[in-house]
Every structure is written in C-alpha cells, then in structure tokens.
C-alpha cells in the first residue's frame, strides 16, 4: 500500500499483483518490473489484475510503499526492481547512476515478505 493513493489507471499486459512494482510494457500498458536493470518502473500496482484489465498504479515519487521482497533488505539500502515486480537491495549511487533506483528502504526485512520503501523523488 502507499501513503498517497492518487494513481492512474493503466491496462495490464500480463497478470499483475498488488504491491508489486510495475513498468511500462507497451503503449499505455504495464507489467511487473524486471530484475535489476529495469529503468521503466512507473509505480506500484494498487490491486491484483488479470491480463488486459485496468489496474490503478500508485506513483513512486515521494510515497511510502509496502513492497514485496524475496530476500533481506536493510533500512537505508537502495531498492531496485527484482523478478516478478518484487524488490531487491542495491547500492544507492550505482542504482541512481544507472536509472534503476526505485527508492530507499525505511524498514528492515529478513528474508521474503514486505518492506517499506520511500519512493525516489
């Protein structure tokens, strides 16, 4: 979930899960973000959606989101997209320079689960 709930509706080009990072997949469509090198992350899916369905996308900028992680993330770590729209840890300067930084973790999570992330600004 996010602290700011104003988002935009997009059409999903694949199955999308709530709380997962989504990227631009084609003209007007979104799909889960991809691992590490994804520079097209747009926001966070507000709900589950079937392929071809409308889904509200919450913006990343200046919003706190609870995002799915598949591995440990420590508060203060940089965060990037991982497989299936989950998130992973990254060096902030490196990810920012590559254009893949989604935000900074504000909580610590050991193993798979959710972590709070302040979206990039």
C-alpha atoms as a PDB file:
ATOM      1  CA  UNK A   1       0.000   0.000   0.000  1.00  0.00           C
ATOM      2  CA  UNK A   2       1.024   3.607  -0.271  1.00  0.00           C
ATOM      3  CA  UNK A   3       0.534   6.716   1.809  1.00  0.00           C
ATOM      4  CA  UNK A   4      -0.618   8.615  -1.271  1.00  0.00           C
ATOM      5  CA  UNK A   5      -3.447   6.909  -3.065  1.00  0.00           C
ATOM      6  CA  UNK A   6      -3.721   9.089  -6.124  1.00  0.00           C
ATOM      7  CA  UNK A   7      -2.738   6.988  -9.082  1.00  0.00           C
ATOM      8  CA  UNK A   8      -3.557   6.492 -12.689  1.00  0.00           C
ATOM      9  CA  UNK A   9      -5.341   3.627 -14.376  1.00  0.00           C
ATOM     10  CA  UNK A  10      -3.405   1.542 -16.876  1.00  0.00           C
ATOM     11  CA  UNK A  11      -4.145  -1.666 -18.743  1.00  0.00           C
ATOM     12  CA  UNK A  12      -2.136  -4.685 -17.638  1.00  0.00           C
ATOM     13  CA  UNK A  13      -0.378  -6.642 -20.380  1.00  0.00           C
ATOM     14  CA  UNK A  14       0.095  -9.621 -18.040  1.00  0.00           C
ATOM     15  CA  UNK A  15      -1.195 -10.723 -14.637  1.00  0.00           C
ATOM     16  CA  UNK A  16      -0.269  -8.053 -12.060  1.00  0.00           C
ATOM     17  CA  UNK A  17      -0.184  -8.456  -8.267  1.00  0.00           C
ATOM     18  CA  UNK A  18      -0.965  -5.729  -5.733  1.00  0.00           C
ATOM     19  CA  UNK A  19       2.080  -4.269  -4.002  1.00  0.00           C
ATOM     20  CA  UNK A  20       4.412  -5.155  -6.855  1.00  0.00           C
ATOM     21  CA  UNK A  21       6.415  -2.692  -8.920  1.00  0.00           C
ATOM     22  CA  UNK A  22       5.110  -2.225 -12.452  1.00  0.00           C
ATOM     23  CA  UNK A  23       6.841  -0.938 -15.561  1.00  0.00           C
ATOM     24  CA  UNK A  24       5.754   0.364 -18.912  1.00  0.00           C
ATOM     25  CA  UNK A  25       5.363  -2.700 -21.126  1.00  0.00           C
ATOM     26  CA  UNK A  26       3.921  -1.065 -24.267  1.00  0.00           C
ATOM     27  CA  UNK A  27       1.811   1.920 -25.273  1.00  0.00           C
ATOM     28  CA  UNK A  28      -0.496   2.506 -22.265  1.00  0.00           C
ATOM     29  CA  UNK A  29       0.146  -0.881 -20.650  1.00  0.00           C
ATOM     30  CA  UNK A  30       2.042  -2.131 -17.597  1.00  0.00           C
ATOM     31  CA  UNK A  31       3.538  -5.395 -16.350  1.00  0.00           C
ATOM     32  CA  UNK A  32       5.650  -6.395 -13.350  1.00  0.00           C
ATOM     33  CA  UNK A  33       9.081  -4.781 -13.186  1.00  0.00           C
ATOM     34  CA  UNK A  34      12.072  -6.903 -14.141  1.00  0.00           C
ATOM     35  CA  UNK A  35      15.227  -7.711 -12.213  1.00  0.00           C
ATOM     36  CA  UNK A  36      17.890  -5.107 -11.549  1.00  0.00           C
ATOM     37  CA  UNK A  37      18.311  -3.317 -14.837  1.00  0.00           C
ATOM     38  CA  UNK A  38      14.753  -2.036 -15.249  1.00  0.00           C
ATOM     39  CA  UNK A  39      14.673   1.701 -15.999  1.00  0.00           C
ATOM     40  CA  UNK A  40      10.969   1.807 -16.951  1.00  0.00           C
ATOM     41  CA  UNK A  41       9.405   1.304 -13.496  1.00  0.00           C
ATOM     42  CA  UNK A  42       6.344   3.504 -13.292  1.00  0.00           C
ATOM     43  CA  UNK A  43       4.835   2.802  -9.890  1.00  0.00           C
ATOM     44  CA  UNK A  44       3.153   0.183  -7.724  1.00  0.00           C
ATOM     45  CA  UNK A  45       0.055  -1.862  -8.588  1.00  0.00           C
ATOM     46  CA  UNK A  46      -2.784  -0.918  -6.230  1.00  0.00           C
ATOM     47  CA  UNK A  47      -4.608  -4.235  -6.737  1.00  0.00           C
ATOM     48  CA  UNK A  48      -4.389  -7.589  -8.459  1.00  0.00           C
ATOM     49  CA  UNK A  49      -5.354  -7.502 -12.130  1.00  0.00           C
ATOM     50  CA  UNK A  50      -5.791 -10.053 -14.888  1.00  0.00           C
ATOM     51  CA  UNK A  51      -4.047  -9.540 -18.196  1.00  0.00           C
ATOM     52  CA  UNK A  52      -5.972  -6.930 -20.183  1.00  0.00           C
ATOM     53  CA  UNK A  53      -7.712  -5.500 -17.103  1.00  0.00           C
ATOM     54  CA  UNK A  54      -7.461  -1.964 -15.773  1.00  0.00           C
ATOM     55  CA  UNK A  55      -5.211  -1.500 -12.734  1.00  0.00           C
ATOM     56  CA  UNK A  56      -4.573   1.606 -10.667  1.00  0.00           C
ATOM     57  CA  UNK A  57      -0.870   2.437 -10.464  1.00  0.00           C
ATOM     58  CA  UNK A  58       0.336   4.424  -7.470  1.00  0.00           C
ATOM     59  CA  UNK A  59       3.277   6.728  -8.216  1.00  0.00           C
ATOM     60  CA  UNK A  60       6.723   6.049  -6.728  1.00  0.00           C
ATOM     61  CA  UNK A  61       7.809   9.642  -6.168  1.00  0.00           C
ATOM     62  CA  UNK A  62       7.620  10.841  -2.582  1.00  0.00           C
ATOM     63  CA  UNK A  63       5.341   7.979  -1.475  1.00  0.00           C
ATOM     64  CA  UNK A  64       5.959   5.270   1.090  1.00  0.00           C
ATOM     65  CA  UNK A  65       5.027   1.839  -0.249  1.00  0.00           C
ATOM     66  CA  UNK A  66       4.981  -1.609   1.340  1.00  0.00           C
ATOM     67  CA  UNK A  67       6.644  -3.703  -1.362  1.00  0.00           C
ATOM     68  CA  UNK A  68       7.295  -7.401  -1.740  1.00  0.00           C
ATOM     69  CA  UNK A  69      10.880  -8.562  -1.312  1.00  0.00           C
ATOM     70  CA  UNK A  70      12.238 -12.044  -1.896  1.00  0.00           C
ATOM     71  CA  UNK A  71      15.394 -11.502   0.168  1.00  0.00           C
ATOM     72  CA  UNK A  72      16.751  -9.450   3.066  1.00  0.00           C
ATOM     73  CA  UNK A  73      16.678  -5.658   2.775  1.00  0.00           C
ATOM     74  CA  UNK A  74      18.055  -3.358   5.474  1.00  0.00           C
ATOM     75  CA  UNK A  75      16.733   0.102   6.330  1.00  0.00           C
ATOM     76  CA  UNK A  76      18.790   2.658   4.389  1.00  0.00           C
ATOM     77  CA  UNK A  77      19.507   0.318   1.467  1.00  0.00           C
ATOM     78  CA  UNK A  78      18.784   1.417  -2.064  1.00  0.00           C
ATOM     79  CA  UNK A  79      15.944  -0.523  -3.677  1.00  0.00           C
ATOM     80  CA  UNK A  80      15.555  -1.684  -7.296  1.00  0.00           C
ATOM     81  CA  UNK A  81      13.100  -3.929  -9.147  1.00  0.00           C
ATOM     82  CA  UNK A  82      13.594  -7.688  -8.901  1.00  0.00           C
ATOM     83  CA  UNK A  83      11.975 -10.596 -10.728  1.00  0.00           C
ATOM     84  CA  UNK A  84       8.182 -10.563 -10.852  1.00  0.00           C
ATOM     85  CA  UNK A  85       7.861  -6.980  -9.632  1.00  0.00           C
ATOM     86  CA  UNK A  86       9.408  -7.708  -6.249  1.00  0.00           C
ATOM     87  CA  UNK A  87      12.254  -5.501  -4.985  1.00  0.00           C
ATOM     88  CA  UNK A  88      15.891  -6.095  -4.066  1.00  0.00           C
ATOM     89  CA  UNK A  89      18.696  -4.185  -2.411  1.00  0.00           C
ATOM     90  CA  UNK A  90      21.149  -2.045  -4.363  1.00  0.00           C
ATOM     91  CA  UNK A  91      23.914   0.468  -3.811  1.00  0.00           C
ATOM     92  CA  UNK A  92      22.166   3.843  -3.981  1.00  0.00           C
ATOM     93  CA  UNK A  93      24.799   5.690  -6.040  1.00  0.00           C
ATOM     94  CA  UNK A  94      25.184   2.837  -8.525  1.00  0.00           C
ATOM     95  CA  UNK A  95      21.433   2.325  -8.993  1.00  0.00           C
ATOM     96  CA  UNK A  96      20.802   6.074  -9.246  1.00  0.00           C
ATOM     97  CA  UNK A  97      23.507   6.437 -11.906  1.00  0.00           C
ATOM     98  CA  UNK A  98      22.007   3.501 -13.832  1.00  0.00           C
ATOM     99  CA  UNK A  99      18.476   4.934 -13.570  1.00  0.00           C
ATOM    100  CA  UNK A 100      17.179   1.846 -11.763  1.00  0.00           C
ATOM    101  CA  UNK A 101      16.747   3.237  -8.224  1.00  0.00           C
ATOM    102  CA  UNK A 102      13.140   2.889  -7.057  1.00  0.00           C
ATOM    103  CA  UNK A 103      13.707   4.294  -3.581  1.00  0.00           C
ATOM    104  CA  UNK A 104      15.275   3.745  -0.176  1.00  0.00           C
ATOM    105  CA  UNK A 105      14.177   1.122   2.370  1.00  0.00           C
ATOM    106  CA  UNK A 106      12.851   2.667   5.571  1.00  0.00           C
ATOM    107  CA  UNK A 107      12.431  -0.679   7.362  1.00  0.00           C
ATOM    108  CA  UNK A 108      14.435  -3.883   7.583  1.00  0.00           C
ATOM    109  CA  UNK A 109      13.100  -7.231   6.392  1.00  0.00           C
ATOM    110  CA  UNK A 110      14.934 -10.514   6.871  1.00  0.00           C
ATOM    111  CA  UNK A 111      14.001 -12.910   4.069  1.00  0.00           C
ATOM    112  CA  UNK A 112      10.881 -12.795   1.907  1.00  0.00           C
ATOM    113  CA  UNK A 113       7.981 -10.539   2.883  1.00  0.00           C
ATOM    114  CA  UNK A 114       7.244  -6.817   2.725  1.00  0.00           C
ATOM    115  CA  UNK A 115       9.480  -3.834   3.292  1.00  0.00           C
ATOM    116  CA  UNK A 116       8.609  -0.140   3.456  1.00  0.00           C
ATOM    117  CA  UNK A 117      10.239   1.920   0.744  1.00  0.00           C
ATOM    118  CA  UNK A 118      10.287   5.692   0.305  1.00  0.00           C
ATOM    119  CA  UNK A 119       9.900   6.184  -3.429  1.00  0.00           C
ATOM    120  CA  UNK A 120      12.539   8.082  -5.372  1.00  0.00           C
ATOM    121  CA  UNK A 121      11.978  11.778  -5.875  1.00  0.00           C
END
